């Protein structure tokens, strides 16, 4: 499928997915470098929260970009490769220990800030998924609620963040066996919660999250020994 030309209406809007109109509005104001920013991993009980910042080439936008949650794993992998081939990308992880110290919301915003900083470009504007803009960004920015379904740049960032975090959690499964991390990627499935109660938390687990705290307490209880 060819990328539609800039004068095509499909470049600006699609029937069932994001478009490039938010980016073009910024570009047309004289700011050529616009990045989309999104995160993955707010809900899991283990592992980092991961953010990605992506600057798309307007002339080489991979077709099929969408909110990562609406794509199959196979489709995400294909788009991930296409994004890396034609875009400037930065990824940042904030670990479980930091999440416990500053809370998951602040950790997500920190990861987003670090991802933008990691682009090593003179970014003129950032489009942030969600309802908050991280403090200390090196450029002006705006927050877009459900931005991964509105902006192609944010959709690309959502794919990169999801794929990178999933790969990290799959590798972590070998180091922290017994939890099934390769399958659920740290999310609170029944199997994961059961493993937590049986084994106790690992160094990857977020102790400030209620199911992990409960499992930690149970393992320390004399009745559980």
N, C-alpha and C. Protein backbone atom coordinates (compact mmCIF):
# COMPACT_ATOMS: atom_id res chain seq x y z
N UNK A 1 0.85 -1.20 0.00
CA UNK A 1 0.00 0.00 0.00
C UNK A 1 0.88 1.24 0.00
N UNK A 2 0.71 2.11 -0.97
CA UNK A 2 1.54 3.31 -1.08
C UNK A 2 1.09 4.36 -0.08
N UNK A 3 2.06 5.17 0.36
CA UNK A 3 1.73 6.29 1.22
C UNK A 3 1.02 7.35 0.40
N UNK A 4 -0.13 7.85 0.83
CA UNK A 4 -0.85 8.83 0.03
C UNK A 4 -0.07 10.13 -0.07
N UNK A 5 -0.16 10.82 -1.20
CA UNK A 5 0.53 12.11 -1.33
C UNK A 5 -0.06 13.13 -0.38
N UNK A 6 0.72 14.20 -0.13
CA UNK A 6 0.29 15.19 0.85
C UNK A 6 -0.99 15.90 0.47
N UNK A 7 -1.30 15.97 -0.84
CA UNK A 7 -2.52 16.64 -1.23
C UNK A 7 -3.73 15.71 -1.21
N UNK A 8 -3.51 14.47 -0.77
CA UNK A 8 -4.62 13.53 -0.67
C UNK A 8 -5.36 13.74 0.64
N UNK A 9 -6.69 13.66 0.64
CA UNK A 9 -7.44 13.79 1.90
C UNK A 9 -7.10 12.69 2.88
N UNK A 10 -6.59 11.53 2.40
CA UNK A 10 -6.26 10.43 3.28
C UNK A 10 -5.03 10.71 4.12
N UNK A 11 -4.24 11.71 3.69
CA UNK A 11 -3.08 12.11 4.48
C UNK A 11 -3.52 12.83 5.74
N UNK A 12 -4.68 13.46 5.68
CA UNK A 12 -5.16 14.26 6.79
C UNK A 12 -6.14 13.51 7.68
N UNK A 13 -6.87 12.57 7.14
CA UNK A 13 -7.85 11.88 7.96
C UNK A 13 -8.10 10.48 7.42
N UNK A 14 -8.42 9.60 8.33
CA UNK A 14 -8.78 8.23 7.95
C UNK A 14 -10.08 7.87 8.62
N UNK A 15 -10.74 6.88 8.07
CA UNK A 15 -12.06 6.53 8.58
C UNK A 15 -11.99 5.88 9.95
N UNK A 16 -10.93 5.12 10.22
CA UNK A 16 -10.92 4.33 11.44
C UNK A 16 -9.59 4.39 12.19
N UNK A 17 -8.85 5.46 12.04
CA UNK A 17 -7.58 5.54 12.73
C UNK A 17 -7.03 6.95 12.78
N UNK A 18 -5.81 7.10 13.24
CA UNK A 18 -5.20 8.42 13.38
C UNK A 18 -4.83 9.03 12.04
N UNK A 19 -4.51 10.32 12.07
CA UNK A 19 -4.08 11.01 10.86
C UNK A 19 -2.89 11.92 11.18
N UNK A 20 -2.51 12.73 10.22
CA UNK A 20 -1.33 13.58 10.37
C UNK A 20 -1.71 15.05 10.53
N UNK A 21 -2.96 15.32 10.83
CA UNK A 21 -3.42 16.71 10.86
C UNK A 21 -2.83 17.50 12.02
N UNK A 22 -2.67 16.87 13.19
CA UNK A 22 -2.08 17.57 14.34
C UNK A 22 -0.64 17.97 14.02
N UNK A 23 0.10 17.06 13.41
CA UNK A 23 1.48 17.35 13.04
C UNK A 23 1.56 18.46 11.99
N UNK A 24 0.70 18.39 10.99
CA UNK A 24 0.72 19.38 9.92
C UNK A 24 0.36 20.77 10.44
N UNK A 25 -0.53 20.84 11.42
CA UNK A 25 -0.89 22.13 11.99
C UNK A 25 0.34 22.79 12.61
N UNK A 26 1.19 21.99 13.26
CA UNK A 26 2.42 22.51 13.86
C UNK A 26 3.44 22.84 12.77
N UNK A 27 3.61 21.93 11.82
CA UNK A 27 4.57 22.14 10.74
C UNK A 27 4.24 23.40 9.96
N UNK A 28 2.97 23.62 9.70
CA UNK A 28 2.55 24.79 8.92
C UNK A 28 2.74 26.11 9.68
N UNK A 29 2.98 26.01 10.99
CA UNK A 29 3.30 27.22 11.77
C UNK A 29 4.80 27.49 11.77
N UNK A 30 5.55 26.68 11.02
CA UNK A 30 6.98 26.90 10.89
C UNK A 30 7.84 26.07 11.81
N UNK A 31 7.29 24.99 12.36
CA UNK A 31 8.04 24.11 13.24
C UNK A 31 8.14 22.73 12.59
N UNK A 32 9.22 22.45 11.88
CA UNK A 32 9.27 21.23 11.07
C UNK A 32 9.44 19.93 11.86
N UNK A 33 10.13 19.97 13.00
CA UNK A 33 10.40 18.74 13.73
C UNK A 33 9.38 18.55 14.85
N UNK A 34 8.45 17.63 14.62
CA UNK A 34 7.39 17.33 15.58
C UNK A 34 7.51 15.87 15.97
N UNK A 35 7.49 15.58 17.26
CA UNK A 35 7.53 14.19 17.70
C UNK A 35 6.22 13.80 18.39
N UNK A 36 5.87 12.55 18.26
CA UNK A 36 4.77 11.97 19.01
C UNK A 36 5.34 11.14 20.15
N UNK A 37 4.68 11.17 21.29
CA UNK A 37 5.20 10.51 22.49
C UNK A 37 4.09 9.69 23.14
N UNK A 38 4.42 8.46 23.51
CA UNK A 38 3.46 7.60 24.20
C UNK A 38 4.22 6.65 25.11
N UNK A 39 3.49 6.00 26.00
CA UNK A 39 4.10 5.06 26.94
C UNK A 39 3.38 3.72 26.91
N UNK A 40 4.05 2.72 27.45
CA UNK A 40 3.46 1.39 27.62
C UNK A 40 3.87 0.87 28.99
N UNK A 41 2.95 0.21 29.66
CA UNK A 41 3.31 -0.44 30.92
C UNK A 41 2.89 0.27 32.18
N UNK A 42 1.82 1.04 32.14
CA UNK A 42 1.34 1.65 33.38
C UNK A 42 0.65 0.63 34.27
N UNK A 43 -0.02 -0.35 33.67
CA UNK A 43 -0.84 -1.27 34.45
C UNK A 43 -0.16 -2.50 35.02
N UNK A 44 0.98 -2.94 34.50
CA UNK A 44 1.59 -4.18 35.00
C UNK A 44 2.03 -4.09 36.46
N UNK A 45 2.20 -5.27 37.04
CA UNK A 45 2.70 -5.38 38.41
C UNK A 45 4.22 -5.46 38.44
N UNK A 46 4.83 -5.70 37.30
CA UNK A 46 6.28 -5.87 37.23
C UNK A 46 6.84 -5.20 35.99
N UNK A 47 8.12 -4.86 36.09
CA UNK A 47 8.81 -4.28 34.95
C UNK A 47 8.71 -2.77 34.91
N UNK A 48 9.40 -2.18 33.96
CA UNK A 48 9.43 -0.72 33.85
C UNK A 48 8.20 -0.18 33.14
N UNK A 49 8.03 1.11 33.22
CA UNK A 49 7.15 1.81 32.28
C UNK A 49 8.06 2.33 31.18
N UNK A 50 7.64 2.16 29.95
CA UNK A 50 8.48 2.46 28.79
C UNK A 50 7.81 3.54 27.94
N UNK A 51 8.58 4.51 27.53
CA UNK A 51 8.05 5.56 26.66
C UNK A 51 8.88 5.63 25.39
N UNK A 52 8.23 6.05 24.32
CA UNK A 52 8.91 6.25 23.04
C UNK A 52 8.54 7.62 22.49
N UNK A 53 9.50 8.23 21.83
CA UNK A 53 9.28 9.47 21.08
C UNK A 53 9.66 9.20 19.63
N UNK A 54 8.80 9.59 18.71
CA UNK A 54 9.01 9.28 17.30
C UNK A 54 8.79 10.53 16.45
N UNK A 55 9.75 10.79 15.57
CA UNK A 55 9.61 11.84 14.56
C UNK A 55 9.43 11.14 13.21
N UNK A 56 8.24 11.22 12.67
CA UNK A 56 7.96 10.60 11.38
C UNK A 56 8.47 11.47 10.23
N UNK A 57 8.91 10.81 9.17
CA UNK A 57 9.18 11.50 7.91
C UNK A 57 7.84 11.62 7.18
N UNK A 58 7.33 12.84 6.96
CA UNK A 58 6.02 12.98 6.33
C UNK A 58 5.91 12.30 4.97
N UNK A 59 7.04 12.10 4.31
CA UNK A 59 7.01 11.47 2.99
C UNK A 59 7.20 9.96 3.04
N UNK A 60 7.43 9.41 4.24
CA UNK A 60 7.62 7.97 4.37
C UNK A 60 6.91 7.44 5.61
N UNK A 61 5.64 7.77 5.73
CA UNK A 61 4.86 7.30 6.87
C UNK A 61 4.39 5.87 6.60
N UNK A 62 4.76 4.92 7.45
CA UNK A 62 4.32 3.53 7.22
C UNK A 62 2.80 3.44 7.23
N UNK A 63 2.20 2.84 6.23
CA UNK A 63 0.75 2.68 6.23
C UNK A 63 0.31 1.69 7.30
N UNK A 64 -0.85 1.95 7.88
CA UNK A 64 -1.40 1.04 8.88
C UNK A 64 -1.13 1.42 10.31
N UNK A 65 -0.47 2.55 10.55
CA UNK A 65 -0.21 2.98 11.92
C UNK A 65 -1.52 3.19 12.67
N UNK A 66 -1.54 2.71 13.91
CA UNK A 66 -2.73 2.87 14.74
C UNK A 66 -2.32 2.66 16.19
N UNK A 67 -3.25 2.93 17.09
CA UNK A 67 -3.07 2.62 18.50
C UNK A 67 -2.57 1.18 18.62
N UNK A 68 -1.47 0.97 19.33
CA UNK A 68 -0.87 -0.37 19.41
C UNK A 68 -1.84 -1.40 19.96
N UNK A 69 -2.76 -0.97 20.83
CA UNK A 69 -3.72 -1.91 21.43
C UNK A 69 -4.71 -2.45 20.40
N UNK A 70 -4.83 -1.78 19.27
CA UNK A 70 -5.77 -2.22 18.24
C UNK A 70 -5.10 -3.09 17.17
N UNK A 71 -3.81 -3.38 17.36
CA UNK A 71 -3.06 -4.14 16.37
C UNK A 71 -2.67 -5.50 16.92
N UNK A 72 -2.58 -6.48 16.05
CA UNK A 72 -2.07 -7.79 16.46
C UNK A 72 -0.58 -7.69 16.73
N UNK A 73 -0.05 -8.67 17.44
CA UNK A 73 1.39 -8.66 17.71
C UNK A 73 2.18 -8.71 16.40
N UNK A 74 1.73 -9.52 15.47
CA UNK A 74 2.44 -9.63 14.19
C UNK A 74 2.45 -8.30 13.45
N UNK A 75 1.32 -7.59 13.47
CA UNK A 75 1.24 -6.30 12.80
C UNK A 75 2.12 -5.28 13.50
N UNK A 76 2.14 -5.32 14.84
CA UNK A 76 3.01 -4.40 15.57
C UNK A 76 4.48 -4.61 15.21
N UNK A 77 4.89 -5.87 15.08
CA UNK A 77 6.28 -6.16 14.76
C UNK A 77 6.65 -5.62 13.38
N UNK A 78 5.76 -5.78 12.41
CA UNK A 78 6.01 -5.27 11.06
C UNK A 78 6.10 -3.75 11.05
N UNK A 79 5.18 -3.12 11.75
CA UNK A 79 5.18 -1.66 11.79
C UNK A 79 6.37 -1.13 12.59
N UNK A 80 6.75 -1.83 13.63
CA UNK A 80 7.93 -1.46 14.41
C UNK A 80 9.17 -1.36 13.51
N UNK A 81 9.36 -2.38 12.68
CA UNK A 81 10.50 -2.39 11.77
C UNK A 81 10.41 -1.24 10.77
N UNK A 82 9.21 -0.98 10.27
CA UNK A 82 9.03 0.11 9.30
C UNK A 82 9.27 1.47 9.94
N UNK A 83 8.82 1.64 11.18
CA UNK A 83 9.03 2.90 11.89
C UNK A 83 10.52 3.15 12.09
N UNK A 84 11.25 2.13 12.54
CA UNK A 84 12.68 2.29 12.76
C UNK A 84 13.44 2.57 11.46
N UNK A 85 12.92 2.04 10.35
CA UNK A 85 13.61 2.23 9.07
C UNK A 85 13.45 3.64 8.52
N UNK A 86 12.35 4.31 8.86
CA UNK A 86 12.05 5.59 8.21
C UNK A 86 11.83 6.77 9.16
N UNK A 87 12.11 6.57 10.45
CA UNK A 87 11.81 7.61 11.43
C UNK A 87 12.99 7.78 12.39
N UNK A 88 12.95 8.86 13.15
CA UNK A 88 13.88 9.05 14.26
C UNK A 88 13.17 8.64 15.54
N UNK A 89 13.81 7.75 16.30
CA UNK A 89 13.14 7.11 17.43
C UNK A 89 14.02 7.16 18.67
N UNK A 90 13.39 7.39 19.82
CA UNK A 90 14.07 7.30 21.10
C UNK A 90 13.16 6.56 22.08
N UNK A 91 13.78 5.73 22.93
CA UNK A 91 13.03 4.94 23.92
C UNK A 91 13.65 5.15 25.29
N UNK A 92 12.81 5.24 26.31
CA UNK A 92 13.29 5.38 27.69
C UNK A 92 12.49 4.46 28.60
N UNK A 93 13.17 3.88 29.60
CA UNK A 93 12.54 3.01 30.58
C UNK A 93 12.71 3.63 31.97
N UNK A 94 11.69 3.56 32.79
CA UNK A 94 11.78 3.93 34.20
C UNK A 94 11.45 2.69 35.01
N UNK A 95 12.38 2.29 35.87
CA UNK A 95 12.31 0.98 36.53
C UNK A 95 11.28 0.93 37.65
N UNK A 96 11.02 -0.28 38.12
CA UNK A 96 10.03 -0.51 39.17
C UNK A 96 10.40 0.23 40.46
N UNK A 97 11.68 0.27 40.79
CA UNK A 97 12.10 0.95 42.02
C UNK A 97 11.73 2.43 41.97
N UNK A 98 11.96 3.07 40.85
CA UNK A 98 11.60 4.48 40.71
C UNK A 98 10.09 4.66 40.71
N UNK A 99 9.39 3.74 40.06
CA UNK A 99 7.92 3.79 40.09
C UNK A 99 7.42 3.77 41.53
N UNK A 100 8.02 2.91 42.36
CA UNK A 100 7.62 2.84 43.78
C UNK A 100 7.93 4.14 44.51
N UNK A 101 8.98 4.81 44.11
CA UNK A 101 9.38 6.04 44.79
C UNK A 101 8.52 7.24 44.42
N UNK A 102 8.15 7.36 43.13
CA UNK A 102 7.49 8.60 42.68
C UNK A 102 6.07 8.39 42.17
N UNK A 103 5.60 7.18 42.09
CA UNK A 103 4.28 6.73 41.64
C UNK A 103 4.26 6.55 40.12
N UNK A 104 3.33 5.77 39.65
CA UNK A 104 3.32 5.37 38.24
C UNK A 104 3.01 6.53 37.31
N UNK A 105 2.18 7.46 37.74
CA UNK A 105 1.88 8.60 36.87
C UNK A 105 3.13 9.43 36.63
N UNK A 106 3.83 9.77 37.71
CA UNK A 106 5.03 10.59 37.57
C UNK A 106 6.13 9.83 36.83
N UNK A 107 6.20 8.51 37.04
CA UNK A 107 7.19 7.70 36.32
C UNK A 107 6.91 7.68 34.83
N UNK A 108 5.63 7.63 34.46
CA UNK A 108 5.27 7.65 33.05
C UNK A 108 5.67 8.98 32.41
N UNK A 109 5.40 10.07 33.11
CA UNK A 109 5.76 11.39 32.58
C UNK A 109 7.28 11.53 32.49
N UNK A 110 8.00 10.98 33.48
CA UNK A 110 9.46 11.03 33.44
C UNK A 110 10.01 10.25 32.25
N UNK A 111 9.44 9.07 32.00
CA UNK A 111 9.89 8.28 30.85
C UNK A 111 9.64 9.03 29.54
N UNK A 112 8.49 9.71 29.44
CA UNK A 112 8.20 10.49 28.24
C UNK A 112 9.22 11.61 28.06
N UNK A 113 9.52 12.32 29.13
CA UNK A 113 10.51 13.40 29.07
C UNK A 113 11.86 12.86 28.61
N UNK A 114 12.29 11.75 29.18
CA UNK A 114 13.58 11.17 28.82
C UNK A 114 13.60 10.70 27.37
N UNK A 115 12.46 10.20 26.90
CA UNK A 115 12.39 9.76 25.50
C UNK A 115 12.56 10.94 24.55
N UNK A 116 11.91 12.05 24.84
CA UNK A 116 12.05 13.24 23.99
C UNK A 116 13.49 13.74 24.02
N UNK A 117 14.08 13.78 25.20
CA UNK A 117 15.47 14.25 25.33
C UNK A 117 16.43 13.33 24.56
N UNK A 118 16.09 12.05 24.51
CA UNK A 118 16.97 11.08 23.85
C UNK A 118 16.96 11.16 22.34
N UNK A 119 16.09 11.94 21.75
CA UNK A 119 16.06 12.06 20.29
C UNK A 119 17.30 12.75 19.75
N UNK A 120 17.94 13.56 20.58
CA UNK A 120 19.15 14.29 20.16
C UNK A 120 18.92 15.11 18.89
N UNK A 121 17.73 15.68 18.80
CA UNK A 121 17.38 16.57 17.71
C UNK A 121 16.83 17.86 18.30
N UNK A 122 16.83 18.89 17.51
CA UNK A 122 16.26 20.16 17.94
C UNK A 122 14.75 20.12 17.71
N UNK A 123 14.08 19.33 18.55
CA UNK A 123 12.64 19.14 18.41
C UNK A 123 11.91 20.46 18.66
N UNK A 124 11.00 20.78 17.76
CA UNK A 124 10.27 22.03 17.90
C UNK A 124 8.98 21.90 18.68
N UNK A 125 8.41 20.67 18.68
CA UNK A 125 7.11 20.49 19.34
C UNK A 125 6.90 19.01 19.61
N UNK A 126 6.23 18.72 20.73
CA UNK A 126 5.93 17.33 21.09
C UNK A 126 4.42 17.16 21.28
N UNK A 127 3.89 16.12 20.70
CA UNK A 127 2.50 15.73 20.90
C UNK A 127 2.49 14.56 21.88
N UNK A 128 1.88 14.77 23.05
CA UNK A 128 1.94 13.81 24.15
C UNK A 128 0.60 13.09 24.29
N UNK A 129 0.65 11.77 24.33
CA UNK A 129 -0.59 11.03 24.56
C UNK A 129 -1.04 11.21 26.01
N UNK A 130 -2.33 11.47 26.20
CA UNK A 130 -2.87 11.60 27.55
C UNK A 130 -3.37 12.99 27.84
N UNK A 131 -3.46 13.30 29.13
CA UNK A 131 -4.03 14.59 29.54
C UNK A 131 -3.03 15.48 30.27
N UNK A 132 -1.74 15.12 30.21
CA UNK A 132 -0.74 15.91 30.93
C UNK A 132 0.54 15.98 30.11
N UNK A 133 1.21 17.12 30.21
CA UNK A 133 2.51 17.32 29.55
C UNK A 133 3.60 17.18 30.61
N UNK A 134 4.62 16.36 30.37
CA UNK A 134 5.71 16.22 31.35
C UNK A 134 6.40 17.55 31.63
N UNK A 135 6.83 17.72 32.88
CA UNK A 135 7.59 18.92 33.24
C UNK A 135 9.00 18.83 32.65
N UNK A 136 9.54 19.98 32.27
CA UNK A 136 10.93 20.04 31.87
C UNK A 136 11.24 19.57 30.47
N UNK A 137 10.23 19.48 29.62
CA UNK A 137 10.51 19.09 28.24
C UNK A 137 11.37 20.16 27.55
N UNK A 138 12.21 19.73 26.61
CA UNK A 138 13.08 20.70 25.93
C UNK A 138 12.38 21.47 24.82
N UNK A 139 11.06 21.34 24.72
CA UNK A 139 10.32 22.00 23.64
C UNK A 139 8.88 22.22 24.08
N UNK A 140 8.16 23.10 23.40
CA UNK A 140 6.73 23.23 23.67
C UNK A 140 6.02 21.91 23.36
N UNK A 141 4.86 21.70 23.97
CA UNK A 141 4.14 20.45 23.79
C UNK A 141 2.67 20.63 24.11
N UNK A 142 1.87 19.71 23.65
CA UNK A 142 0.46 19.66 24.03
C UNK A 142 0.07 18.22 24.26
N UNK A 143 -0.90 18.03 25.13
CA UNK A 143 -1.40 16.70 25.44
C UNK A 143 -2.65 16.41 24.62
N UNK A 144 -2.72 15.21 24.08
CA UNK A 144 -3.89 14.78 23.30
C UNK A 144 -4.50 13.55 23.96
N UNK A 145 -5.69 13.70 24.51
CA UNK A 145 -6.38 12.56 25.10
C UNK A 145 -6.70 11.55 24.00
N UNK A 146 -6.38 10.29 24.25
CA UNK A 146 -6.51 9.22 23.26
C UNK A 146 -5.74 9.58 21.99
N UNK A 147 -4.57 10.18 22.19
CA UNK A 147 -3.77 10.64 21.07
C UNK A 147 -3.30 9.54 20.15
N UNK A 148 -3.15 8.31 20.67
CA UNK A 148 -2.71 7.21 19.80
C UNK A 148 -3.76 6.84 18.77
N UNK A 149 -4.98 7.30 18.94
CA UNK A 149 -6.01 7.10 17.94
C UNK A 149 -6.27 8.33 17.10
N UNK A 150 -5.49 9.40 17.34
CA UNK A 150 -5.69 10.67 16.64
C UNK A 150 -4.49 11.11 15.83
N UNK A 151 -3.30 10.84 16.36
CA UNK A 151 -2.06 11.32 15.74
C UNK A 151 -1.22 10.14 15.27
N UNK A 152 -0.78 10.19 14.01
CA UNK A 152 0.06 9.11 13.49
C UNK A 152 1.40 9.04 14.23
N UNK A 153 1.94 10.17 14.63
CA UNK A 153 3.21 10.16 15.35
C UNK A 153 3.06 9.51 16.72
N UNK A 154 1.97 9.81 17.41
CA UNK A 154 1.74 9.19 18.72
C UNK A 154 1.45 7.70 18.54
N UNK A 155 0.69 7.35 17.50
CA UNK A 155 0.44 5.93 17.23
C UNK A 155 1.75 5.19 17.00
N UNK A 156 2.66 5.79 16.24
CA UNK A 156 3.96 5.17 16.02
C UNK A 156 4.71 5.00 17.34
N UNK A 157 4.66 6.01 18.20
CA UNK A 157 5.31 5.92 19.50
C UNK A 157 4.70 4.83 20.36
N UNK A 158 3.38 4.67 20.28
CA UNK A 158 2.72 3.62 21.07
C UNK A 158 3.18 2.24 20.64
N UNK A 159 3.39 2.06 19.34
CA UNK A 159 3.87 0.77 18.82
C UNK A 159 5.29 0.50 19.29
N UNK A 160 6.16 1.50 19.16
CA UNK A 160 7.55 1.31 19.57
C UNK A 160 7.65 1.02 21.06
N UNK A 161 6.93 1.77 21.87
CA UNK A 161 6.99 1.56 23.32
C UNK A 161 6.49 0.16 23.69
N UNK A 162 5.39 -0.26 23.08
CA UNK A 162 4.82 -1.57 23.37
C UNK A 162 5.76 -2.69 22.96
N UNK A 163 6.31 -2.62 21.77
CA UNK A 163 7.19 -3.70 21.29
C UNK A 163 8.47 -3.75 22.12
N UNK A 164 9.05 -2.61 22.42
CA UNK A 164 10.29 -2.59 23.20
C UNK A 164 10.07 -3.13 24.60
N UNK A 165 8.98 -2.74 25.24
CA UNK A 165 8.72 -3.23 26.59
C UNK A 165 8.42 -4.74 26.58
N UNK A 166 7.64 -5.18 25.61
CA UNK A 166 7.33 -6.62 25.52
C UNK A 166 8.60 -7.44 25.34
N UNK A 167 9.51 -6.96 24.53
CA UNK A 167 10.75 -7.69 24.31
C UNK A 167 11.59 -7.75 25.58
N UNK A 168 11.60 -6.64 26.32
CA UNK A 168 12.35 -6.61 27.57
C UNK A 168 11.77 -7.62 28.56
N UNK A 169 10.45 -7.67 28.65
CA UNK A 169 9.82 -8.58 29.61
C UNK A 169 9.99 -10.04 29.19
N UNK A 170 10.03 -10.29 27.89
CA UNK A 170 10.28 -11.66 27.43
C UNK A 170 11.68 -12.10 27.84
N UNK A 171 12.66 -11.21 27.70
CA UNK A 171 14.02 -11.54 28.13
C UNK A 171 14.10 -11.71 29.64
N UNK A 172 13.33 -10.92 30.37
CA UNK A 172 13.35 -11.00 31.83
C UNK A 172 12.82 -12.33 32.35
N UNK A 173 12.02 -13.01 31.55
CA UNK A 173 11.43 -14.27 31.98
C UNK A 173 12.51 -15.30 32.31
N UNK A 174 13.62 -15.27 31.57
CA UNK A 174 14.70 -16.23 31.83
C UNK A 174 15.41 -15.93 33.15
N UNK A 175 15.50 -14.66 33.49
CA UNK A 175 16.18 -14.27 34.72
C UNK A 175 15.30 -14.42 35.94
N UNK A 176 14.00 -14.25 35.74
CA UNK A 176 13.05 -14.35 36.85
C UNK A 176 11.99 -15.40 36.49
N UNK A 177 12.37 -16.68 36.52
CA UNK A 177 11.43 -17.73 36.11
C UNK A 177 10.32 -17.94 37.13
N UNK A 178 9.25 -18.55 36.66
CA UNK A 178 8.16 -18.92 37.54
C UNK A 178 6.97 -17.99 37.52
N UNK A 179 7.15 -16.77 37.01
CA UNK A 179 6.05 -15.81 36.99
C UNK A 179 5.30 -15.80 35.67
N UNK A 180 5.92 -16.32 34.62
CA UNK A 180 5.28 -16.29 33.30
C UNK A 180 5.38 -14.95 32.62
N UNK A 181 6.46 -14.21 32.87
CA UNK A 181 6.59 -12.85 32.34
C UNK A 181 6.55 -12.80 30.82
N UNK A 182 7.07 -13.82 30.17
CA UNK A 182 7.08 -13.83 28.70
C UNK A 182 5.67 -13.86 28.13
N UNK A 183 4.74 -14.42 28.90
CA UNK A 183 3.36 -14.50 28.43
C UNK A 183 2.55 -13.25 28.71
N UNK A 184 2.50 -12.87 29.98
CA UNK A 184 1.63 -11.74 30.36
C UNK A 184 2.35 -10.41 30.44
N UNK A 185 3.68 -10.41 30.29
CA UNK A 185 4.50 -9.18 30.27
C UNK A 185 4.36 -8.35 31.55
N UNK A 186 4.01 -9.03 32.64
CA UNK A 186 3.92 -8.34 33.92
C UNK A 186 2.54 -7.87 34.29
N UNK A 187 1.57 -8.01 33.41
CA UNK A 187 0.21 -7.57 33.71
C UNK A 187 -0.43 -8.49 34.76
N UNK A 188 -1.44 -8.00 35.47
CA UNK A 188 -1.99 -8.74 36.62
C UNK A 188 -2.97 -9.85 36.24
N UNK A 189 -2.53 -10.81 35.46
CA UNK A 189 -3.36 -11.97 35.16
C UNK A 189 -3.49 -12.83 36.41
N UNK A 190 -4.44 -13.75 36.40
CA UNK A 190 -4.61 -14.65 37.55
C UNK A 190 -3.36 -15.49 37.76
N UNK A 191 -2.79 -15.99 36.66
CA UNK A 191 -1.57 -16.80 36.79
C UNK A 191 -0.44 -16.00 37.42
N UNK A 192 -0.33 -14.74 37.05
CA UNK A 192 0.72 -13.89 37.61
C UNK A 192 0.47 -13.66 39.10
N UNK A 193 -0.75 -13.34 39.46
CA UNK A 193 -1.07 -13.09 40.87
C UNK A 193 -0.86 -14.35 41.71
N UNK A 194 -1.23 -15.51 41.16
CA UNK A 194 -1.02 -16.76 41.88
C UNK A 194 0.47 -17.04 42.08
N UNK A 195 1.28 -16.77 41.05
CA UNK A 195 2.72 -16.98 41.16
C UNK A 195 3.31 -16.04 42.20
N UNK A 196 2.82 -14.82 42.23
CA UNK A 196 3.30 -13.86 43.22
C UNK A 196 3.06 -14.36 44.65
N UNK A 197 1.87 -14.90 44.89
CA UNK A 197 1.55 -15.39 46.23
C UNK A 197 2.40 -16.62 46.58
N UNK A 198 2.75 -17.40 45.59
CA UNK A 198 3.53 -18.63 45.83
C UNK A 198 5.02 -18.34 45.96
N UNK A 199 5.56 -17.48 45.10
CA UNK A 199 7.00 -17.22 45.06
C UNK A 199 7.38 -15.97 45.84
N UNK A 200 6.49 -14.99 45.83
CA UNK A 200 6.83 -13.69 46.37
C UNK A 200 7.36 -12.78 45.27
N UNK A 201 7.47 -11.49 45.53
CA UNK A 201 7.91 -10.55 44.51
C UNK A 201 9.39 -10.72 44.13
N UNK A 202 9.69 -10.37 42.89
CA UNK A 202 11.07 -10.34 42.41
C UNK A 202 11.56 -8.90 42.43
N UNK A 203 12.80 -8.72 42.01
CA UNK A 203 13.35 -7.36 41.93
C UNK A 203 12.66 -6.52 40.87
N UNK A 204 11.93 -7.17 39.95
CA UNK A 204 11.22 -6.45 38.90
C UNK A 204 9.85 -5.97 39.33
N UNK A 205 9.36 -6.45 40.46
CA UNK A 205 7.98 -6.14 40.85
C UNK A 205 7.85 -4.78 41.52
N UNK A 206 6.70 -4.18 41.32
CA UNK A 206 6.38 -2.86 41.85
C UNK A 206 5.74 -3.03 43.22
N UNK A 207 6.53 -2.81 44.26
CA UNK A 207 6.07 -3.09 45.61
C UNK A 207 4.95 -2.16 46.07
N UNK A 208 4.80 -1.02 45.39
CA UNK A 208 3.75 -0.08 45.75
C UNK A 208 2.39 -0.46 45.17
N UNK A 209 2.35 -1.47 44.30
CA UNK A 209 1.09 -1.92 43.74
C UNK A 209 0.46 -2.95 44.68
N UNK A 210 -0.84 -2.81 44.92
CA UNK A 210 -1.51 -3.57 45.97
C UNK A 210 -1.30 -5.09 45.89
N UNK A 211 -1.48 -5.73 44.73
CA UNK A 211 -1.28 -7.19 44.71
C UNK A 211 0.14 -7.61 45.06
N UNK A 212 1.13 -6.79 44.69
CA UNK A 212 2.52 -7.10 45.01
C UNK A 212 2.77 -6.89 46.49
N UNK A 213 2.23 -5.81 47.03
CA UNK A 213 2.38 -5.55 48.47
C UNK A 213 1.74 -6.67 49.29
N UNK A 214 0.58 -7.15 48.84
CA UNK A 214 -0.10 -8.23 49.55
C UNK A 214 0.73 -9.52 49.50
N UNK A 215 1.32 -9.81 48.34
CA UNK A 215 2.14 -11.00 48.22
C UNK A 215 3.40 -10.90 49.07
N UNK A 216 4.00 -9.72 49.11
CA UNK A 216 5.18 -9.52 49.95
C UNK A 216 4.86 -9.72 51.41
N UNK A 217 3.74 -9.18 51.83
CA UNK A 217 3.33 -9.31 53.22
C UNK A 217 3.05 -10.77 53.57
N UNK A 218 2.42 -11.49 52.63
CA UNK A 218 2.08 -12.89 52.88
C UNK A 218 3.35 -13.75 53.02
N UNK A 219 4.37 -13.46 52.22
CA UNK A 219 5.61 -14.22 52.29
C UNK A 219 6.37 -13.96 53.59
N UNK A 220 6.18 -12.77 54.16
CA UNK A 220 6.87 -12.43 55.40
C UNK A 220 6.12 -12.88 56.64
N UNK A 221 4.84 -13.25 56.44
CA UNK A 221 4.01 -13.66 57.57
C UNK A 221 4.47 -15.01 58.10
N UNK A 222 4.54 -15.20 59.44
CA UNK A 222 4.92 -16.49 60.00
C UNK A 222 3.99 -17.62 59.55
N UNK A 223 2.73 -17.29 59.32
CA UNK A 223 1.77 -18.32 58.92
C UNK A 223 2.07 -18.88 57.54
N UNK A 224 2.84 -18.13 56.73
CA UNK A 224 3.13 -18.57 55.39
C UNK A 224 4.42 -19.36 55.30
N UNK A 225 5.14 -19.50 56.40
CA UNK A 225 6.43 -20.19 56.38
C UNK A 225 6.25 -21.69 56.60
